[in-house]
């Protein structure tokens, strides 16, 4: 969005830049809402289970209904799905980029890949959070910690509820923030501030239309959910075990794990993610054991940040040996430093 705004400024302040910039600024606010909501949801799960390993969770929806519902709301928002706030800001950016493709040839060359990449990013975000929400909150508990998890107190739920309400409000009524967006865009580039005071209906038309569409969609979804809930209860249906494909006593291990769910993507990006695999093949006619374990560690954390932290600690430990309290040694350090500085100055002057 910011790139399209800069491109529009170089094109004589084309109108598509105002839309793209407004969408980018709006998305910053929205991102602060739904990403904070997801972080708090992850913290609630960690507080309830004591683990961050997705493969050790599962079945938490019935145990953490508030956390699960709000995490699902944040997942839909971060994936940019209507009628939530992530879709509203991305819609403005999409409109700006689409308008840019019809402006000039080089503007189209610059913005068309951005459109494709935005669509790909939305699809990957949806797949990622379907995995996260499904494997954490659905299915059966995989460990005792998950089976005995319980919801946090009101002080843990209240911030998540506030952020969830903001995600809904900014998605259902984005037109209400258009006056502020218009002022900020006009401050960034006065050429786009074509009116004084509140913007006209024509200028806010994209968000006004989106507000009406999102409100209608929310009404349809809510009505459908209530109708389905009432039909299920009126029918007198009973709960039963999931069909177990012939297994007499299925257990929690007979579920998709996070590794199996993301195996295809991990294979595509294996040169970046560097998955670790342990394989013990079956031997003889009646093998006693066989297994295949694969996990994808956090490549940046384990291969960049952790080694760098170890190196810094080693250097710091070595430097500590110089701090021994002997004054004559400190004077020697200063004299040696001054000599080195003088040598550098002399050599620099000669060169």
Protein backbone atom coordinates (compact mmCIF):
# COMPACT_ATOMS: atom_id res chain seq x y z
CA UNK A 1 0.00 0.00 0.00
CA UNK A 2 2.78 2.45 0.86
CA UNK A 3 4.65 1.50 -2.30
CA UNK A 4 1.58 2.15 -4.44
CA UNK A 5 1.13 5.52 -2.72
CA UNK A 6 4.71 6.51 -3.56
CA UNK A 7 4.22 5.32 -7.12
CA UNK A 8 1.05 7.40 -7.41
CA UNK A 9 2.88 10.48 -6.10
CA UNK A 10 5.44 10.11 -8.89
CA UNK A 11 2.57 9.78 -11.39
CA UNK A 12 1.10 13.19 -10.69
CA UNK A 13 -0.73 12.21 -7.49
CA UNK A 14 -2.91 9.56 -9.14
CA UNK A 15 -6.10 8.74 -7.23
CA UNK A 16 -5.18 5.09 -6.68
CA UNK A 17 -2.44 6.19 -4.25
CA UNK A 18 -4.96 7.64 -1.80
CA UNK A 19 -6.88 4.35 -1.65
CA UNK A 20 -3.73 2.28 -1.26
CA UNK A 21 -2.31 4.54 1.45
CA UNK A 22 -5.62 4.63 3.35
CA UNK A 23 -5.78 0.83 3.18
CA UNK A 24 -2.20 0.47 4.42
CA UNK A 25 -2.77 2.81 7.39
CA UNK A 26 -6.10 1.13 8.19
CA UNK A 27 -4.39 -2.26 8.07
CA UNK A 28 -1.84 -1.11 10.65
CA UNK A 29 -4.68 -0.48 13.11
CA UNK A 30 -6.41 -3.73 12.21
CA UNK A 31 -3.18 -5.67 12.48
CA UNK A 32 -2.69 -4.32 15.99
CA UNK A 33 -6.17 -5.60 16.92
CA UNK A 34 -6.21 -9.12 15.52
CA UNK A 35 -2.53 -9.92 16.04
CA UNK A 36 -2.71 -8.82 19.68
CA UNK A 37 -5.87 -10.94 20.04
CA UNK A 38 -4.05 -13.99 18.67
CA UNK A 39 -1.05 -13.44 20.95
CA UNK A 40 -3.34 -13.19 23.98
CA UNK A 41 -5.16 -16.33 22.84
CA UNK A 42 -1.86 -18.18 22.56
CA UNK A 43 -0.96 -16.92 26.02
CA UNK A 44 -4.25 -18.20 27.41
CA UNK A 45 -3.56 -21.65 25.92
CA UNK A 46 -0.03 -21.60 27.36
CA UNK A 47 -1.41 -20.58 30.77
CA UNK A 48 -3.99 -23.39 30.67
CA UNK A 49 -1.72 -26.21 29.41
CA UNK A 50 1.86 -25.19 30.15
CA UNK A 51 3.06 -25.98 26.61
CA UNK A 52 3.42 -24.25 23.24
CA UNK A 53 3.74 -27.53 21.28
CA UNK A 54 0.68 -27.84 19.02
CA UNK A 55 1.19 -31.62 18.82
CA UNK A 56 0.63 -31.84 22.61
CA UNK A 57 -2.69 -29.99 22.56
CA UNK A 58 -6.07 -30.70 20.94
CA UNK A 59 -9.65 -30.80 22.15
CA UNK A 60 -9.46 -27.43 23.91
CA UNK A 61 -12.66 -25.90 22.49
CA UNK A 62 -14.89 -27.50 25.13
CA UNK A 63 -12.39 -26.63 27.88
CA UNK A 64 -11.50 -23.08 26.77
CA UNK A 65 -14.63 -21.93 24.93
CA UNK A 66 -13.93 -18.19 25.28
CA UNK A 67 -10.32 -18.49 24.18
CA UNK A 68 -11.19 -20.84 21.32
CA UNK A 69 -14.00 -18.64 19.98
CA UNK A 70 -11.93 -15.45 20.15
CA UNK A 71 -8.86 -17.16 18.65
CA UNK A 72 -11.06 -18.37 15.78
CA UNK A 73 -12.33 -14.80 15.33
CA UNK A 74 -8.76 -13.49 15.20
CA UNK A 75 -7.81 -16.25 12.75
CA UNK A 76 -10.58 -15.23 10.35
CA UNK A 77 -9.53 -11.59 10.67
CA UNK A 78 -5.83 -12.22 10.07
CA UNK A 79 -6.70 -14.33 7.00
CA UNK A 80 -8.55 -11.32 5.57
CA UNK A 81 -12.01 -12.89 5.42
CA UNK A 82 -15.26 -10.88 5.51
CA UNK A 83 -17.01 -9.50 7.47
CA UNK A 84 -14.02 -8.74 9.74
CA UNK A 85 -11.56 -5.87 9.85
CA UNK A 86 -8.67 -7.57 8.04
CA UNK A 87 -10.81 -7.80 4.91
CA UNK A 88 -11.86 -4.13 5.12
CA UNK A 89 -8.31 -2.75 5.01
CA UNK A 90 -7.08 -5.28 2.46
CA UNK A 91 -10.08 -4.38 0.27
CA UNK A 92 -8.91 -0.76 0.11
CA UNK A 93 -5.40 -1.87 -0.85
CA UNK A 94 -6.82 -4.21 -3.49
CA UNK A 95 -8.90 -1.36 -4.93
CA UNK A 96 -5.86 0.90 -5.11
CA UNK A 97 -3.72 -1.76 -6.79
CA UNK A 98 -6.48 -2.69 -9.26
CA UNK A 99 -6.89 0.98 -10.20
CA UNK A 100 -3.12 1.23 -10.62
CA UNK A 101 -3.08 -1.61 -13.18
CA UNK A 102 -5.22 0.53 -15.49
CA UNK A 103 -3.24 3.74 -14.96
CA UNK A 104 -0.03 3.34 -16.98
CA UNK A 105 2.00 0.45 -18.29
CA UNK A 106 4.87 0.67 -15.78
CA UNK A 107 2.39 1.14 -12.91
CA UNK A 108 0.64 -2.08 -13.99
CA UNK A 109 3.98 -3.91 -14.17
CA UNK A 110 4.75 -2.80 -10.61
CA UNK A 111 1.36 -3.48 -9.03
CA UNK A 112 0.21 -6.68 -10.77
CA UNK A 113 2.79 -8.87 -8.95
CA UNK A 114 1.75 -7.18 -5.70
CA UNK A 115 -1.87 -8.24 -6.32
CA UNK A 116 -0.80 -11.83 -6.94
CA UNK A 117 1.43 -11.89 -3.85
CA UNK A 118 -1.36 -10.45 -1.68
CA UNK A 119 -3.72 -13.19 -2.83
CA UNK A 120 -1.06 -15.86 -2.14
CA UNK A 121 -0.38 -14.38 1.30
CA UNK A 122 -4.09 -14.52 2.13
CA UNK A 123 -4.33 -18.16 1.05
CA UNK A 124 -1.25 -19.12 3.10
CA UNK A 125 -2.56 -17.23 6.14
CA UNK A 126 -5.88 -19.07 5.89
CA UNK A 127 -4.14 -22.46 5.65
CA UNK A 128 -1.84 -21.60 8.56
CA UNK A 129 -4.60 -20.56 10.93
CA UNK A 130 -6.92 -23.42 9.92
CA UNK A 131 -4.06 -25.65 11.01
CA UNK A 132 -3.46 -23.74 14.24
CA UNK A 133 -7.10 -23.40 15.31
CA UNK A 134 -8.08 -26.91 14.19
CA UNK A 135 -5.20 -28.77 15.81
CA UNK A 136 -5.25 -26.78 19.05
CA UNK A 137 -8.97 -26.59 19.74
CA UNK A 138 -10.62 -29.45 17.82
CA UNK A 139 -10.25 -33.22 18.06
CA UNK A 140 -9.37 -35.03 21.26
CA UNK A 141 -6.78 -33.99 23.89
CA UNK A 142 -3.39 -35.53 23.10
CA UNK A 143 -1.92 -35.10 26.60
CA UNK A 144 -3.13 -34.98 30.19
CA UNK A 145 -2.30 -31.27 30.33
CA UNK A 146 -4.71 -30.60 27.47
CA UNK A 147 -7.36 -32.86 29.00
CA UNK A 148 -7.28 -30.97 32.32
CA UNK A 149 -7.02 -27.44 30.89
CA UNK A 150 -9.42 -24.79 32.14
CA UNK A 151 -10.36 -21.25 31.11
CA UNK A 152 -8.50 -18.30 32.63
CA UNK A 153 -10.13 -15.68 34.81
CA UNK A 154 -11.97 -12.50 33.78
CA UNK A 155 -8.78 -10.44 33.68
CA UNK A 156 -7.47 -12.78 30.98
CA UNK A 157 -10.73 -12.84 29.00
CA UNK A 158 -11.52 -9.11 29.14
CA UNK A 159 -8.64 -7.89 26.88
CA UNK A 160 -9.43 -10.62 24.35
CA UNK A 161 -13.11 -9.65 24.33
CA UNK A 162 -12.22 -5.97 23.82
CA UNK A 163 -9.92 -6.76 20.89
CA UNK A 164 -12.45 -9.17 19.40
CA UNK A 165 -15.13 -6.47 19.60
CA UNK A 166 -12.79 -4.05 17.79
CA UNK A 167 -12.20 -6.63 15.03
CA UNK A 168 -15.96 -6.91 14.57
CA UNK A 169 -16.65 -3.17 14.79
CA UNK A 170 -13.92 -2.15 12.32
CA UNK A 171 -15.10 -4.87 9.96
CA UNK A 172 -18.81 -4.13 10.10
CA UNK A 173 -18.55 -0.32 10.09
CA UNK A 174 -15.27 0.69 8.41
CA UNK A 175 -16.97 3.75 6.92
CA UNK A 176 -16.94 5.35 10.38
CA UNK A 177 -13.12 5.55 10.34
CA UNK A 178 -12.97 7.05 6.83
CA UNK A 179 -12.97 10.72 8.03
CA UNK A 180 -9.85 10.07 10.11
CA UNK A 181 -8.19 8.12 7.31
CA UNK A 182 -9.02 10.93 4.91
CA UNK A 183 -7.37 13.51 7.16
CA UNK A 184 -4.22 11.43 7.60
CA UNK A 185 -3.91 10.72 3.86
CA UNK A 186 -4.39 14.43 3.17
CA UNK A 187 -1.68 15.31 5.71
CA UNK A 188 0.73 12.89 3.99
CA UNK A 189 -0.04 14.32 0.55
CA UNK A 190 -2.07 17.56 0.46
CA UNK A 191 -2.90 16.96 -3.21
CA UNK A 192 -5.23 14.16 -2.12
CA UNK A 193 -7.02 16.37 0.43
CA UNK A 194 -9.51 17.75 -2.07
CA UNK A 195 -12.23 18.74 0.42
CA UNK A 196 -12.40 20.38 3.80
CA UNK A 197 -14.12 18.87 6.77
CA UNK A 198 -15.83 15.51 6.39
CA UNK A 199 -15.28 13.71 3.07
CA UNK A 200 -18.12 13.46 0.62
CA UNK A 201 -20.24 10.38 0.12
CA UNK A 202 -18.52 9.68 -3.21
CA UNK A 203 -15.07 9.61 -1.59
CA UNK A 204 -16.19 7.20 1.12
CA UNK A 205 -18.16 5.03 -1.32
CA UNK A 206 -15.76 2.02 -1.19
CA UNK A 207 -16.02 1.74 2.60
CA UNK A 208 -19.72 2.61 2.65
CA UNK A 209 -20.46 -0.19 0.21
CA UNK A 210 -18.20 -2.55 2.15
CA UNK A 211 -19.95 -1.66 5.43
CA UNK A 212 -23.37 -2.49 3.94
CA UNK A 213 -22.09 -5.75 2.42
CA UNK A 214 -20.38 -6.83 5.65
CA UNK A 215 -23.45 -5.99 7.74
CA UNK A 216 -25.63 -8.01 5.36
CA UNK A 217 -23.21 -10.92 5.40
CA UNK A 218 -23.02 -10.86 9.20
CA UNK A 219 -26.83 -10.87 9.39
CA UNK A 220 -27.05 -13.84 7.02
CA UNK A 221 -24.37 -15.81 8.89
CA UNK A 222 -25.93 -15.09 12.29
CA UNK A 223 -29.42 -16.02 11.07
CA UNK A 224 -28.12 -19.22 9.50
CA UNK A 225 -26.27 -20.20 12.66
CA UNK A 226 -29.34 -19.57 14.85
CA UNK A 227 -31.58 -21.49 12.45
CA UNK A 228 -29.20 -24.45 12.39
CA UNK A 229 -28.83 -24.41 16.18
CA UNK A 230 -32.62 -24.36 16.62
CA UNK A 231 -33.12 -27.15 14.10
CA UNK A 232 -30.57 -29.37 15.82
CA UNK A 233 -32.18 -28.85 19.21
CA UNK A 234 -35.72 -29.36 17.91
CA UNK A 235 -34.73 -32.59 16.19
CA UNK A 236 -33.67 -34.12 19.49
CA UNK A 237 -30.33 -35.29 18.15
CA UNK A 238 -27.93 -37.02 20.51
CA UNK A 239 -24.19 -36.96 20.71
CA UNK A 240 -22.17 -40.00 19.73
CA UNK A 241 -18.59 -41.00 19.06
CA UNK A 242 -17.02 -40.08 15.74
CA UNK A 243 -16.97 -42.93 13.22
CA UNK A 244 -13.72 -44.72 13.94
CA UNK A 245 -13.13 -46.49 10.58
CA UNK A 246 -13.36 -49.92 12.18
CA UNK A 247 -11.13 -49.27 15.18
CA UNK A 248 -12.71 -50.57 18.36
CA UNK A 249 -10.98 -48.09 20.65
CA UNK A 250 -9.46 -45.10 18.84
CA UNK A 251 -7.18 -42.91 20.93
CA UNK A 252 -5.78 -39.43 20.66
CA UNK A 253 -2.77 -40.60 18.61
CA UNK A 254 -5.09 -41.46 15.69
CA UNK A 255 -5.43 -37.80 14.71
CA UNK A 256 -3.71 -35.46 12.35
CA UNK A 257 -0.75 -33.83 14.02
CA UNK A 258 0.66 -30.43 13.19
CA UNK A 259 3.50 -32.15 11.35
CA UNK A 260 1.23 -34.25 9.14
CA UNK A 261 -1.05 -31.28 8.45
CA UNK A 262 1.83 -29.10 7.27
CA UNK A 263 3.93 -31.86 5.68
CA UNK A 264 3.26 -30.72 2.11
CA UNK A 265 4.23 -27.11 2.78
CA UNK A 266 7.26 -28.25 4.80
CA UNK A 267 8.34 -30.38 1.81
CA UNK A 268 7.99 -27.43 -0.59
CA UNK A 269 10.11 -25.14 1.62
CA UNK A 270 12.39 -27.82 3.07
CA UNK A 271 15.56 -25.95 2.02
CA UNK A 272 14.45 -22.99 4.16
CA UNK A 273 12.63 -24.74 7.02
CA UNK A 274 15.19 -27.62 7.26
CA UNK A 275 12.90 -30.27 8.84
CA UNK A 276 14.47 -32.93 11.08
CA UNK A 277 13.43 -36.55 10.50
CA UNK A 278 14.01 -39.81 12.43
CA UNK A 279 13.13 -43.03 10.61
CA UNK A 280 13.19 -46.60 11.89
CA UNK A 281 11.97 -48.97 9.18
CA UNK A 282 10.23 -52.27 9.99
CA UNK A 283 12.50 -55.33 9.76
CA UNK A 284 11.86 -59.07 9.56
CA UNK A 285 8.50 -60.73 8.99
CA UNK A 286 6.87 -59.63 12.26
CA UNK A 287 8.59 -56.37 13.25
CA UNK A 288 8.43 -55.36 16.87
CA UNK A 289 8.59 -51.63 16.22
CA UNK A 290 8.79 -49.03 13.48
CA UNK A 291 8.38 -45.28 13.51
CA UNK A 292 8.84 -42.13 11.48
CA UNK A 293 9.16 -38.85 13.33
CA UNK A 294 9.49 -35.48 11.63
CA UNK A 295 9.46 -32.04 13.16
CA UNK A 296 10.14 -28.61 11.75
CA UNK A 297 12.11 -26.52 14.23
CA UNK A 298 12.00 -22.74 14.25
CA UNK A 299 14.82 -22.22 11.75
CA UNK A 300 15.54 -18.59 12.68
CA UNK A 301 15.46 -19.26 16.43
CA UNK A 302 17.51 -22.46 16.43
CA UNK A 303 19.97 -21.69 13.64
CA UNK A 304 20.45 -17.92 13.87
CA UNK A 305 19.32 -16.36 17.16
CA UNK A 306 20.37 -19.18 19.53
CA UNK A 307 23.92 -19.62 18.09
CA UNK A 308 24.37 -15.85 17.99
CA UNK A 309 23.25 -15.61 21.62
CA UNK A 310 25.72 -18.35 22.64
CA UNK A 311 28.55 -16.53 20.81
CA UNK A 312 27.70 -13.23 22.51
CA UNK A 313 27.63 -14.90 25.92
CA UNK A 314 31.03 -16.48 25.31
CA UNK A 315 32.53 -13.14 24.27
CA UNK A 316 30.93 -11.47 27.30
CA UNK A 317 32.32 -14.14 29.61
CA UNK A 318 35.79 -13.69 28.11
CA UNK A 319 35.61 -9.91 28.50
CA UNK A 320 34.59 -10.28 32.15
CA UNK A 321 38.06 -11.65 32.88
CA UNK A 322 39.42 -8.18 32.15
CA UNK A 323 37.32 -6.78 35.03
CA UNK A 324 39.44 -7.94 37.97
CA UNK A 325 39.79 -4.76 40.05
CA UNK A 326 43.54 -4.16 39.47
CA UNK A 327 44.01 -0.43 38.83
CA UNK A 328 47.43 -0.78 37.17
CA UNK A 329 45.95 -3.18 34.62
CA UNK A 330 43.17 -0.69 33.79
CA UNK A 331 45.81 2.02 33.22
CA UNK A 332 47.66 -0.38 30.92
CA UNK A 333 44.45 -0.93 28.92
CA UNK A 334 44.02 2.85 28.50
CA UNK A 335 47.64 3.36 27.39
CA UNK A 336 47.38 0.47 24.91
CA UNK A 337 44.13 1.90 23.53
CA UNK A 338 45.69 5.36 23.11
CA UNK A 339 48.70 3.87 21.33
CA UNK A 340 46.44 1.96 18.94
CA UNK A 341 44.38 5.12 18.26
CA UNK A 342 47.54 7.13 17.61
CA UNK A 343 48.82 4.47 15.25
CA UNK A 344 45.53 4.52 13.32
CA UNK A 345 45.64 8.33 13.04
CA UNK A 346 49.25 8.33 11.81
CA UNK A 347 48.66 5.60 9.24
CA UNK A 348 45.45 7.30 8.10
CA UNK A 349 47.26 10.63 7.65
CA UNK A 350 50.00 9.03 5.55
CA UNK A 351 47.48 7.25 3.32
